[in-house]
Structure formats: C-alpha cells, structure tokens
Amino acid sequence: MKLAFIKAGEIVTTHGVKGEVKVLPWLDSPEDLCDFDRCRIGTKDYILEQCRVQKTCNLVKLSGVDTMEAAQALRGSVIE
C-alpha cells in the first residue's frame, strides 16, 4: 500500500493571536517540516505561509487560518 502523504506531526496548541499553530514534529528533525510548502489536515489542503523552529517544535502559519479561534479548531489534528 502506497501512502499519498507523510504524517509529519500533530498540532498541539496555538501560538499568538494571528493563527499560528505549534506542531510537534514526527520527522527526524524539526527543520525537515520547514522544507515543505503545503500540507493536508484532515481532508483540507493548506499552504505553509511560514514555518520556523522553536526548540523541538515548529511554529507554522497556514493559509486561511488567520485567527486564534481558527487555529484552536485545528488543535489535536495530524498534519500530513
């Protein structure tokens, strides 16, 4: 069976008020997630507008997620 996407991590919380999410990466290193330019959460595709490393996690800004409430709705989701 061939997987269409790599399960890259889990959204654990929000960061700030502009819709950023904190991702606990499942990849070899947190820097690897920053190499991607798009992702899928559930059945919806997103563009990674910004990704940066903070300690062992990633802070990610997704396209279309512009408020803390929208980011909170993604909490606990798997990012592929």
Protein backbone atom coordinates (compact mmCIF):
# COMPACT_ATOMS: atom_id res chain seq x y z
CA MET A 1 0.00 0.00 0.00
CA LYS A 2 1.39 3.36 -1.03
CA LEU A 3 0.73 6.35 1.21
CA ALA A 4 -0.15 9.60 -0.52
CA PHE A 5 1.09 11.80 2.33
CA ILE A 6 3.66 11.57 5.11
CA LYS A 7 2.29 12.01 8.62
CA ALA A 8 4.58 14.81 9.76
CA GLY A 9 3.30 15.75 13.20
CA GLU A 10 0.48 16.83 15.47
CA ILE A 11 -0.87 20.31 16.15
CA VAL A 12 -0.59 20.66 19.92
CA THR A 13 -1.65 24.26 20.56
CA THR A 14 -1.93 27.77 19.16
CA HIS A 15 0.76 30.44 19.22
CA GLY A 16 -0.17 34.10 19.38
CA VAL A 17 -3.33 35.71 18.05
CA LYS A 18 -2.65 35.65 14.30
CA GLY A 19 -3.46 31.99 13.67
CA GLU A 20 -0.10 30.29 14.14
CA VAL A 21 -0.08 26.72 15.41
CA LYS A 22 2.57 24.80 17.32
CA VAL A 23 3.38 21.45 15.73
CA LEU A 24 5.10 18.55 17.49
CA PRO A 25 7.01 17.03 14.54
CA TRP A 26 7.23 13.27 13.95
CA LEU A 27 10.03 13.69 11.42
CA ASP A 28 13.74 13.15 12.06
CA SER A 29 14.27 16.81 12.97
CA PRO A 30 12.05 19.89 13.31
CA GLU A 31 13.87 21.56 10.40
CA ASP A 32 12.52 18.93 8.00
CA LEU A 33 8.96 20.25 8.28
CA CYS A 34 10.13 23.67 7.06
CA ASP A 35 11.19 22.09 3.74
CA PHE A 36 7.56 21.60 2.71
CA ASP A 37 5.39 24.29 1.13
CA ARG A 38 1.97 22.67 1.53
CA CYS A 39 0.25 20.22 3.84
CA ARG A 40 -3.04 18.45 4.46
CA ILE A 41 -5.02 18.42 7.67
CA GLY A 42 -7.94 16.01 7.53
CA THR A 43 -9.27 16.43 4.00
CA LYS A 44 -8.29 20.09 3.53
CA ASP A 45 -5.09 21.30 1.86
CA TYR A 46 -3.16 24.28 3.23
CA ILE A 47 -0.16 26.31 2.08
CA LEU A 48 2.55 26.76 4.69
CA GLU A 49 3.00 30.54 4.64
CA GLN A 50 5.67 30.46 7.35
CA CYS A 51 7.44 27.76 9.32
CA ARG A 52 10.11 28.20 11.95
CA VAL A 53 11.71 26.04 14.60
CA GLN A 54 11.26 26.75 18.30
CA LYS A 55 13.24 24.31 20.44
CA THR A 56 11.88 20.86 19.46
CA CYS A 57 8.65 22.10 17.86
CA ASN A 58 7.62 24.09 14.80
CA LEU A 59 5.59 27.28 14.68
CA VAL A 60 3.55 27.19 11.48
CA LYS A 61 1.34 29.79 9.79
CA LEU A 62 -1.20 28.14 7.50
CA SER A 63 -3.05 29.91 4.69
CA GLY A 64 -6.63 30.70 5.61
CA VAL A 65 -6.02 30.32 9.35
CA ASP A 66 -5.88 33.94 10.47
CA THR A 67 -7.40 33.95 13.96
CA MET A 68 -6.67 32.23 17.23
CA GLU A 69 -10.13 30.61 17.11
CA ALA A 70 -9.45 29.06 13.68
CA ALA A 71 -6.11 27.77 14.93
CA GLN A 72 -7.73 26.38 18.09
CA ALA A 73 -10.13 24.35 15.93
CA LEU A 74 -7.13 22.51 14.43
CA ARG A 75 -5.72 21.52 17.83
CA GLY A 76 -5.08 17.77 18.07
CA SER A 77 -5.11 17.30 14.28
CA VAL A 78 -2.44 15.38 12.40
CA ILE A 79 -0.54 17.37 9.78
CA GLU A 80 0.42 15.44 6.65
